Amino acid sequence: MPPSREGTPWLKVLQTLVAHRLIDPGSEWRLHRQWFDASAMADLLNADFALAEKNTLYRCLDRLVEHKDELFKFLCRRWGELFGATFDVLLYDLTSTYFETDVERSPEDLRQYGYSRDKRGDCRQVVIALIVTPEGFPLSYEVLAGNVADSTTLSDFLDRIEKRYGRANRIWVMDRGIPTEESLAKMRRVGASYLVGTPKGRLSRLEQDFLGQPWARVREGVQVKRLATEEDVYVLAQSDARIDKERGMRRKRLRRYVDRLQALQRQRLTRDQLMMKLGAARHEAGRAAHLVKVTIPKNSSRSVPRLLPAGHAESEAAPSGGWRYATRGACQIQNDADGGCVYPHYRRAGTRALALHAARGRAPNAAGATATDATSAATTENHGQASSRKDPGSHHLVVETFSTVSCTINYLAPVSILS
C-alpha cells in the first residue's frame, strides 16, 4: 500500500489498525479517541496523531477491501504453517447489523430493510455472511444487502470458495434455513458434504421410518438414531441435558403464564382490555400457553357496567367456577335516566366490596328498571352525600357487566409441571 499523493502513509495506518486489533481489540472510533494516545505507536512508527484520524482509519479499510482475496489466501497459508489449521470442515452462518438513520437510500445501496435478527425492523441493515473453521479461523466473508434472503446466499459462496481454494470434499455446517433443495443438490454434484438441520415438515414424513431404528449411545446422556436414504443420511439425536434444559424453560414460562392469568383474575377489565392482555401473555408464554385452557364468554353489545342492588335475584347468577373480582371504591356508573352518560371513577367510602358476576338470560324490561332504580341515587347531586356516609348499613352493590369478562381456567398440564 503506497502513500497517497497527499502523503498519507497507508502502510503505517494499516500497521496501527493491526496492532490495535491484536493487542486491545476495539472499534476504530475507540482507537481514534483513546487507544492511540495511550500507546507508543507514534514513537514506534515515527508518526503523529494523523495516523489515528478517524476518517483516515475508515478509508484505509476501504483500500484494504480491494486486496481481500489475496489477503485470505496468504492468511490461510500462514495459519496452516503456524497452527496446522485445516479447512475440511467449514461453518457457514449469517448475521446482520443495523443503522439508526432516516436518510433515504437508493435501491442499489446495501443498507435496506429486511429481517432483523436484532428485532429492529424499523432500521436499515446489512447482512454479513461468514465462513470460519471450527477453530475460529475465518475463510471468507461478504457484506450483502439488508433485504437478501438467507436461502439465496449459499450458492454464490460455494462458487467463491471453489474458485479461491479449489474443489475439495469439504463438510459444510449450516442452519436449516440457509440451504435450499437446489443448493444441496449442487453440493452433491460437486462432491461437497454437508451437515444441516432437517426441516420439521420433512422430519414428520420420516417419523415412521425412524420408529423402526434402534437407539445408539454415542456418549453419556446422548443417544442417536441413524436413517440412510438414497440421497442423505438422517441422524436423530436425543440429549438428556437438552431435555432437562428445555423442560426447565417450559416450566418457567408456564409458571409465569399462570401467575399472569391469576393477576388478570384480580383485575376489573373490559372484554377488549382482557383480550389484549391475554394475547400479550400468550405471546410471551409461547408454546407453554397450550398447556392451559382459558375459556371466555361470547362478546356482548354492552360496554359499560351497571349497578344492581345486593339483594337482586340476578346477583346470585354468577357461575361457581367463573372469575370473580372484588374491588373497593372506583367504578363506572351509567345513569339511564340521564341519557346514558358515564360518570367515571366515583369513590364510595361507605360501599363495601363490589362482587362481579355475569348474569345471563335477563328479561330486558326488568333489567332496565332495576338499573334505573339502582343508579338513580348515584347522580352528581347526591354523590357527595353518598361518599360521605360511613354507615356499616350502606348498600352492598354488585357490579354486573357483559364487557367485563367471566373466565374459567382449566389446567391441561399435570400439577408437577408447576412444581
Protein backbone atom coordinates (compact mmCIF):
# COMPACT_ATOMS: atom_id res chain seq x y z
CA MET A 1 0.00 0.00 0.00
CA PRO A 2 1.99 3.03 -1.22
CA PRO A 3 1.44 6.50 0.27
CA SER A 4 -1.23 8.68 -1.29
CA ARG A 5 -0.49 11.79 -3.31
CA GLU A 6 -1.36 13.83 -0.23
CA GLY A 7 1.32 11.98 1.70
CA THR A 8 -0.92 9.71 3.81
CA PRO A 9 1.24 6.71 4.87
CA TRP A 10 -1.34 3.95 4.34
CA LEU A 11 1.04 1.18 5.36
CA LYS A 12 1.65 2.78 8.75
CA VAL A 13 -2.10 3.30 9.18
CA LEU A 14 -2.61 -0.39 8.44
CA GLN A 15 0.08 -1.34 10.94
CA THR A 16 -1.68 0.77 13.56
CA LEU A 17 -5.01 -0.94 12.84
CA VAL A 18 -3.47 -4.41 13.05
CA ALA A 19 -1.60 -3.67 16.28
CA HIS A 20 -4.75 -2.29 17.89
CA ARG A 21 -6.80 -5.32 16.87
CA LEU A 22 -4.20 -7.79 18.18
CA ILE A 23 -3.25 -6.04 21.41
CA ASP A 24 -6.51 -4.45 22.57
CA PRO A 25 -9.39 -5.28 20.20
CA GLY A 26 -11.89 -2.50 19.73
CA SER A 27 -13.54 -0.24 17.22
CA GLU A 28 -11.77 2.27 15.00
CA TRP A 29 -13.58 5.00 16.90
CA ARG A 30 -12.04 3.78 20.17
CA LEU A 31 -8.62 3.69 18.53
CA HIS A 32 -9.12 7.30 17.48
CA ARG A 33 -10.45 8.56 20.83
CA GLN A 34 -8.43 6.60 23.39
CA TRP A 35 -6.04 3.87 22.36
CA PHE A 36 -3.59 5.72 20.11
CA ASP A 37 -2.74 8.40 22.69
CA ALA A 38 -2.25 5.73 25.38
CA SER A 39 0.06 3.63 23.18
CA ALA A 40 3.59 4.07 21.80
CA MET A 41 2.56 3.64 18.15
CA ALA A 42 3.51 7.23 17.27
CA ASP A 43 7.05 6.69 18.56
CA LEU A 44 7.41 3.24 17.00
CA LEU A 45 6.28 4.39 13.57
CA ASN A 46 7.86 7.85 13.79
CA ALA A 47 4.50 9.48 13.07
CA ASP A 48 1.95 11.71 14.75
CA PHE A 49 -1.76 11.60 15.58
CA ALA A 50 -2.65 11.95 11.91
CA LEU A 51 -2.36 8.15 11.69
CA ALA A 52 -5.37 7.78 14.01
CA GLU A 53 -7.63 10.37 12.42
CA LYS A 54 -10.99 8.64 12.19
CA ASN A 55 -11.65 9.21 8.50
CA THR A 56 -8.14 8.01 7.69
CA LEU A 57 -8.78 4.77 9.56
CA TYR A 58 -12.02 4.12 7.70
CA ARG A 59 -10.51 4.97 4.30
CA CYS A 60 -7.67 2.55 5.00
CA LEU A 61 -10.18 -0.26 5.46
CA ASP A 62 -11.79 0.66 2.14
CA ARG A 63 -8.41 0.35 0.44
CA LEU A 64 -7.81 -2.99 2.13
CA VAL A 65 -11.02 -4.49 0.71
CA GLU A 66 -9.51 -4.32 -2.77
CA HIS A 67 -6.96 -6.97 -1.70
CA LYS A 68 -9.40 -9.21 0.19
CA ASP A 69 -8.93 -12.38 -1.89
CA GLU A 70 -5.11 -12.19 -1.84
CA LEU A 71 -5.17 -11.45 1.89
CA PHE A 72 -7.31 -14.51 2.68
CA LYS A 73 -5.07 -16.77 0.60
CA PHE A 74 -2.00 -15.50 2.45
CA LEU A 75 -3.68 -15.92 5.85
CA CYS A 76 -4.83 -19.47 5.11
CA ARG A 77 -1.31 -20.44 4.11
CA ARG A 78 0.19 -18.89 7.25
CA TRP A 79 -2.44 -20.45 9.53
CA GLY A 80 -1.59 -23.84 8.08
CA GLU A 81 2.14 -23.28 8.62
CA LEU A 82 1.88 -21.85 12.13
CA PHE A 83 -1.06 -23.72 13.65
CA GLY A 84 -1.62 -26.69 11.36
CA ALA A 85 -5.09 -25.36 10.51
CA THR A 86 -7.16 -27.46 8.12
CA PHE A 87 -10.17 -26.35 6.11
CA ASP A 88 -12.04 -29.62 5.68
CA VAL A 89 -14.93 -28.50 7.93
CA LEU A 90 -16.48 -25.09 7.27
CA LEU A 91 -19.06 -23.34 9.44
CA TYR A 92 -21.32 -21.01 7.47
CA ASP A 93 -23.68 -18.52 9.07
CA LEU A 94 -25.26 -15.11 8.59
CA THR A 95 -25.68 -12.13 10.86
CA SER A 96 -26.80 -8.53 10.43
CA THR A 97 -26.04 -5.07 11.72
CA TYR A 98 -28.41 -2.11 11.57
CA PHE A 99 -28.12 1.66 11.10
CA GLU A 100 -30.15 4.18 13.10
CA THR A 101 -30.68 6.72 10.34
CA ASP A 102 -33.64 8.13 8.44
CA VAL A 103 -31.74 9.02 5.27
CA GLU A 104 -33.37 7.69 2.12
CA ARG A 105 -31.29 5.13 0.23
CA SER A 106 -31.27 4.12 -3.42
CA PRO A 107 -32.24 0.53 -4.38
CA GLU A 108 -28.56 -0.16 -5.17
CA ASP A 109 -27.47 0.72 -1.62
CA LEU A 110 -26.67 -2.26 0.61
CA ARG A 111 -28.48 -0.65 3.55
CA GLN A 112 -32.04 -1.91 3.15
CA TYR A 113 -34.94 -3.00 5.32
CA GLY A 114 -35.15 -6.74 5.92
CA TYR A 115 -35.48 -9.49 8.51
CA SER A 116 -33.75 -8.14 11.61
CA ARG A 117 -32.04 -10.57 13.97
CA ASP A 118 -31.76 -7.66 16.42
CA LYS A 119 -35.56 -7.11 16.47
CA ARG A 120 -35.07 -3.71 14.83
CA GLY A 121 -37.26 -3.96 11.76
CA ASP A 122 -37.58 -0.16 11.80
CA CYS A 123 -33.90 0.28 10.87
CA ARG A 124 -31.99 -0.32 7.68
CA GLN A 125 -29.38 -3.04 7.86
CA VAL A 126 -26.75 -5.04 6.00
CA VAL A 127 -26.30 -8.82 6.13
CA ILE A 128 -22.85 -10.27 6.81
CA ALA A 129 -22.08 -13.81 5.64
CA LEU A 130 -19.08 -15.52 7.23
CA ILE A 131 -17.26 -18.84 6.78
CA VAL A 132 -14.96 -19.99 9.59
CA THR A 133 -13.24 -23.18 10.64
CA PRO A 134 -14.16 -24.99 13.89
CA GLU A 135 -11.06 -23.38 15.43
CA GLY A 136 -12.37 -19.91 14.52
CA PHE A 137 -10.12 -19.05 11.57
CA PRO A 138 -12.12 -17.01 9.02
CA LEU A 139 -12.01 -18.28 5.47
CA SER A 140 -14.22 -15.74 3.73
CA TYR A 141 -16.85 -13.11 4.37
CA GLU A 142 -19.18 -10.95 2.34
CA VAL A 143 -21.33 -7.91 3.06
CA LEU A 144 -24.75 -8.32 1.42
CA ALA A 145 -27.85 -6.17 1.03
CA GLY A 146 -30.06 -5.97 4.09
CA ASN A 147 -33.09 -7.43 2.28
CA VAL A 148 -31.35 -10.53 0.91
CA ALA A 149 -32.91 -13.89 1.80
CA ASP A 150 -30.74 -16.36 3.72
CA SER A 151 -31.53 -19.18 1.32
CA THR A 152 -30.14 -17.28 -1.69
CA THR A 153 -26.61 -16.74 -0.34
CA LEU A 154 -25.12 -20.23 -0.26
CA SER A 155 -24.76 -20.89 -3.99
CA ASP A 156 -22.51 -17.87 -4.57
CA PHE A 157 -20.31 -18.81 -1.65
CA LEU A 158 -19.84 -22.34 -3.00
CA ASP A 159 -18.55 -20.90 -6.26
CA ARG A 160 -16.35 -18.36 -4.47
CA ILE A 161 -14.71 -20.92 -2.17
CA GLU A 162 -14.16 -23.37 -5.04
CA LYS A 163 -12.59 -20.67 -7.19
CA ARG A 164 -10.34 -19.37 -4.39
CA TYR A 165 -9.21 -22.64 -2.77
CA GLY A 166 -10.01 -25.27 -5.38
CA ARG A 167 -12.52 -28.12 -5.32
CA ALA A 168 -12.32 -30.44 -2.31
CA ASN A 169 -14.57 -32.72 -0.31
CA ARG A 170 -15.33 -30.18 2.39
CA ILE A 171 -18.03 -30.55 5.02
CA TRP A 172 -20.33 -27.54 5.33
CA VAL A 173 -22.19 -26.99 8.62
CA MET A 174 -25.21 -24.64 8.41
CA ASP A 175 -28.54 -23.73 9.95
CA ARG A 176 -31.58 -25.33 8.37
CA GLY A 177 -32.86 -22.02 7.00
CA ILE A 178 -29.82 -21.38 4.79
CA PRO A 179 -29.73 -24.14 2.14
CA THR A 180 -32.42 -24.94 -0.39
CA GLU A 181 -33.04 -28.19 -2.24
CA GLU A 182 -31.30 -26.72 -5.30
CA SER A 183 -28.19 -25.70 -3.34
CA LEU A 184 -27.99 -29.10 -1.62
CA ALA A 185 -28.24 -30.84 -4.99
CA LYS A 186 -25.44 -28.61 -6.27
CA MET A 187 -23.26 -29.56 -3.31
CA ARG A 188 -23.80 -33.24 -4.02
CA ARG A 189 -22.81 -32.71 -7.66
CA VAL A 190 -19.51 -31.02 -6.78
CA GLY A 191 -18.68 -33.64 -4.17
CA ALA A 192 -19.17 -31.49 -1.07
CA SER A 193 -20.69 -32.88 2.10
CA TYR A 194 -22.97 -31.01 4.46
CA LEU A 195 -24.44 -31.16 7.93
CA VAL A 196 -27.67 -29.19 8.21
CA GLY A 197 -30.78 -29.24 10.36
CA THR A 198 -33.75 -31.03 8.83
CA PRO A 199 -36.94 -29.01 8.30
CA LYS A 200 -39.68 -30.11 10.66
CA GLY A 201 -42.03 -30.90 7.80
CA ARG A 202 -39.65 -33.46 6.37
CA LEU A 203 -38.91 -34.87 9.80
CA SER A 204 -42.62 -35.60 10.23
CA ARG A 205 -42.62 -37.60 6.99
CA LEU A 206 -39.69 -39.68 8.28
CA GLU A 207 -41.25 -40.38 11.66
CA GLN A 208 -42.46 -43.87 10.83
CA ASP A 209 -39.08 -44.81 9.36
CA PHE A 210 -37.29 -43.65 12.49
CA LEU A 211 -39.55 -45.70 14.78
CA GLY A 212 -38.03 -48.92 13.48
CA GLN A 213 -34.45 -47.82 14.06
CA PRO A 214 -32.62 -48.65 17.31
CA TRP A 215 -31.09 -46.07 19.61
CA ALA A 216 -27.29 -45.99 19.77
CA ARG A 217 -25.46 -44.40 22.68
CA VAL A 218 -22.60 -42.19 21.48
CA ARG A 219 -21.65 -40.78 24.89
CA GLU A 220 -23.07 -40.28 28.36
CA GLY A 221 -26.55 -38.75 28.05
CA VAL A 222 -26.65 -38.68 24.23
CA GLN A 223 -28.44 -41.23 22.04
CA VAL A 224 -28.88 -41.18 18.26
CA LYS A 225 -30.83 -42.96 15.54
CA ARG A 226 -29.44 -43.25 12.02
CA LEU A 227 -31.58 -43.49 8.88
CA ALA A 228 -29.97 -43.80 5.43
CA THR A 229 -31.84 -42.87 2.25
CA GLU A 230 -30.78 -42.70 -1.40
CA GLU A 231 -29.58 -39.09 -1.15
CA ASP A 232 -28.92 -38.31 2.51
CA VAL A 233 -28.25 -39.86 5.89
CA TYR A 234 -30.50 -38.57 8.67
CA VAL A 235 -29.37 -38.59 12.29
CA LEU A 236 -31.91 -38.13 15.09
CA ALA A 237 -30.14 -37.04 18.29
CA GLN A 238 -31.54 -37.04 21.82
CA SER A 239 -29.68 -35.31 24.63
CA ASP A 240 -30.71 -35.74 28.25
CA ALA A 241 -29.14 -32.41 29.18
CA ARG A 242 -31.05 -30.69 26.38
CA ILE A 243 -34.29 -32.29 27.51
CA ASP A 244 -33.78 -31.05 31.06
CA LYS A 245 -32.90 -27.56 29.82
CA GLU A 246 -35.96 -27.23 27.57
CA ARG A 247 -38.21 -28.70 30.24
CA GLY A 248 -36.95 -26.13 32.74
CA MET A 249 -37.52 -23.31 30.24
CA ARG A 250 -41.04 -24.59 29.55
CA ARG A 251 -41.85 -24.82 33.26
CA LYS A 252 -40.58 -21.30 33.84
CA ARG A 253 -42.73 -19.89 31.05
CA LEU A 254 -45.75 -21.86 32.19
CA ARG A 255 -45.35 -20.69 35.77
CA ARG A 256 -45.07 -17.07 34.59
CA TYR A 257 -48.12 -17.52 32.35
CA VAL A 258 -50.26 -18.93 35.17
CA ASP A 259 -49.13 -16.14 37.50
CA ARG A 260 -50.19 -13.63 34.86
CA LEU A 261 -53.60 -15.27 34.48
CA GLN A 262 -54.12 -15.18 38.22
CA ALA A 263 -53.17 -11.50 38.22
CA LEU A 264 -55.74 -10.85 35.49
CA GLN A 265 -58.36 -12.58 37.65
CA ARG A 266 -57.91 -9.86 40.25
CA GLN A 267 -58.27 -7.02 37.74
CA ARG A 268 -61.51 -5.42 36.61
CA LEU A 269 -61.20 -5.20 32.83
CA THR A 270 -63.43 -4.78 29.84
CA ARG A 271 -63.57 -7.60 27.35
CA ASP A 272 -61.33 -5.77 24.87
CA GLN A 273 -58.77 -4.97 27.55
CA LEU A 274 -58.74 -8.55 28.78
CA MET A 275 -58.37 -9.96 25.27
CA MET A 276 -55.38 -7.71 24.61
CA LYS A 277 -53.71 -8.67 27.89
CA LEU A 278 -54.41 -12.35 27.29
CA GLY A 279 -52.89 -12.11 23.83
CA ALA A 280 -49.75 -10.48 25.20
CA ALA A 281 -49.49 -13.14 27.92
CA ARG A 282 -49.92 -15.97 25.41
CA HIS A 283 -47.28 -14.46 23.13
CA GLU A 284 -44.81 -14.27 26.00
CA ALA A 285 -45.60 -17.82 27.13
CA GLY A 286 -45.04 -19.29 23.67
CA ARG A 287 -45.85 -22.98 23.34
CA ALA A 288 -46.36 -23.28 27.08
CA ALA A 289 -49.66 -21.40 26.65
CA HIS A 290 -51.18 -24.51 25.02
CA LEU A 291 -50.90 -26.34 28.35
CA VAL A 292 -53.56 -24.08 29.88
CA LYS A 293 -57.10 -23.74 28.54
CA VAL A 294 -58.73 -20.35 29.14
CA THR A 295 -62.48 -20.16 28.48
CA ILE A 296 -64.09 -16.75 27.97
CA PRO A 297 -67.76 -15.88 27.26
CA LYS A 298 -69.01 -14.57 23.94
CA ASN A 299 -68.99 -10.86 23.22
CA SER A 300 -71.92 -8.63 24.12
CA SER A 301 -73.20 -5.27 22.97
CA ARG A 302 -72.95 -3.78 26.46
CA SER A 303 -69.72 -1.97 27.20
CA VAL A 304 -70.42 -0.06 30.45
CA PRO A 305 -71.05 -1.63 33.89
CA ARG A 306 -74.43 -1.19 35.54
CA LEU A 307 -75.31 -1.32 39.25
CA LEU A 308 -77.66 -3.84 40.83
CA PRO A 309 -78.70 -3.94 44.48
CA ALA A 310 -77.10 -6.70 46.50
CA GLY A 311 -80.41 -8.44 47.09
CA HIS A 312 -81.34 -8.56 43.41
CA ALA A 313 -82.11 -12.06 42.09
CA GLU A 314 -79.57 -11.70 39.32
CA SER A 315 -76.78 -11.08 41.83
CA GLU A 316 -76.87 -14.80 42.62
CA ALA A 317 -76.48 -15.84 39.00
CA ALA A 318 -72.66 -15.84 38.94
CA PRO A 319 -71.22 -19.20 37.85
CA SER A 320 -69.44 -21.04 40.64
CA GLY A 321 -66.34 -21.67 38.51
CA GLY A 322 -66.13 -18.23 36.93
CA TRP A 323 -63.75 -15.39 37.53
CA ARG A 324 -64.82 -13.16 40.43
CA TYR A 325 -63.45 -9.70 41.07
CA ALA A 326 -63.52 -7.99 44.48
CA THR A 327 -62.91 -4.26 44.32
CA ARG A 328 -63.32 -1.32 46.61
CA GLY A 329 -64.06 2.23 45.62
CA ALA A 330 -63.64 3.20 41.97
CA CYS A 331 -66.22 2.06 39.44
CA GLN A 332 -68.07 3.42 36.41
CA ILE A 333 -71.76 4.32 36.69
CA GLN A 334 -74.21 4.64 33.83
CA ASN A 335 -77.23 6.73 34.65
CA ASP A 336 -80.03 5.51 32.36
CA ALA A 337 -82.25 8.36 33.46
CA ASP A 338 -79.65 10.90 32.36
CA GLY A 339 -79.24 9.77 28.75
CA GLY A 340 -76.70 7.06 29.46
CA CYS A 341 -73.82 9.38 30.33
CA VAL A 342 -70.96 7.90 32.26
CA TYR A 343 -69.57 9.22 35.49
CA PRO A 344 -66.14 7.63 35.85
CA HIS A 345 -64.21 6.79 39.00
CA TYR A 346 -66.80 7.62 41.64
CA ARG A 347 -65.47 6.93 45.12
CA ARG A 348 -67.93 5.49 47.62
CA ALA A 349 -66.32 5.46 51.06
CA GLY A 350 -69.24 3.63 52.65
CA THR A 351 -69.65 0.98 49.99
CA ARG A 352 -68.31 -2.46 50.76
CA ALA A 353 -66.70 -4.91 48.36
CA LEU A 354 -68.16 -5.00 44.86
CA ALA A 355 -68.56 -8.57 43.66
CA LEU A 356 -68.59 -9.15 39.90
CA HIS A 357 -70.88 -11.72 38.34
CA ALA A 358 -72.07 -12.47 34.82
CA ALA A 359 -75.86 -12.61 34.74
CA ARG A 360 -77.39 -14.17 31.63
CA GLY A 361 -80.91 -14.55 30.31
CA ARG A 362 -82.35 -11.42 31.90
CA ALA A 363 -85.70 -10.05 30.81
CA PRO A 364 -84.97 -6.71 29.09
CA ASN A 365 -87.71 -4.70 30.82
CA ALA A 366 -86.87 -5.92 34.30
CA ALA A 367 -83.18 -5.28 33.80
CA GLY A 368 -83.80 -1.75 32.61
CA ALA A 369 -85.97 -0.92 35.58
CA THR A 370 -83.50 -2.37 38.03
CA ALA A 371 -80.64 -0.44 36.57
CA THR A 372 -82.58 2.82 36.71
CA ASP A 373 -83.54 2.26 40.36
CA ALA A 374 -80.03 1.30 41.37
CA THR A 375 -78.30 4.21 39.69
CA SER A 376 -80.77 6.95 40.43
CA ALA A 377 -79.05 7.57 43.75
CA ALA A 378 -75.65 7.97 42.06
CA THR A 379 -76.22 11.27 40.26
CA THR A 380 -73.96 14.27 40.65
CA GLU A 381 -76.39 15.92 43.10
CA ASN A 382 -76.35 13.22 45.77
CA HIS A 383 -72.93 11.75 45.08
CA GLY A 384 -71.20 13.88 47.67
CA GLN A 385 -73.68 12.73 50.33
CA ALA A 386 -73.27 9.09 49.35
CA SER A 387 -69.49 9.39 49.53
CA SER A 388 -69.55 10.92 52.98
CA ARG A 389 -71.66 8.17 54.58
CA LYS A 390 -69.67 5.58 56.52
CA ASP A 391 -72.63 3.73 57.96
CA PRO A 392 -71.96 -0.05 58.06
CA GLY A 393 -75.50 -0.48 56.80
CA SER A 394 -74.75 1.18 53.47
CA HIS A 395 -75.88 -0.53 50.28
CA HIS A 396 -73.87 -3.53 49.12
CA LEU A 397 -73.57 -3.06 45.37
CA VAL A 398 -72.97 -5.77 42.79
CA VAL A 399 -71.34 -4.59 39.54
CA GLU A 400 -72.60 -6.56 36.53
CA THR A 401 -71.30 -6.15 33.01
CA PHE A 402 -71.07 -8.18 29.84
CA SER A 403 -67.91 -6.41 28.72
CA THR A 404 -66.09 -7.31 31.92
CA VAL A 405 -65.41 -10.96 31.37
CA SER A 406 -66.07 -14.05 33.43
CA CYS A 407 -63.44 -16.67 32.66
CA THR A 408 -62.62 -20.19 33.76
CA ILE A 409 -59.10 -21.67 33.73
CA ASN A 410 -58.73 -25.39 33.17
CA TYR A 411 -55.26 -26.89 33.57
CA LEU A 412 -54.43 -29.43 30.89
CA ALA A 413 -50.93 -29.97 32.30
CA PRO A 414 -50.23 -32.07 35.40
CA VAL A 415 -49.55 -30.31 38.64
CA SER A 416 -45.91 -31.44 38.57
CA ILE A 417 -45.29 -29.02 35.70
CA LEU A 418 -45.67 -26.10 38.10
CA SER A 419 -43.65 -27.59 40.92
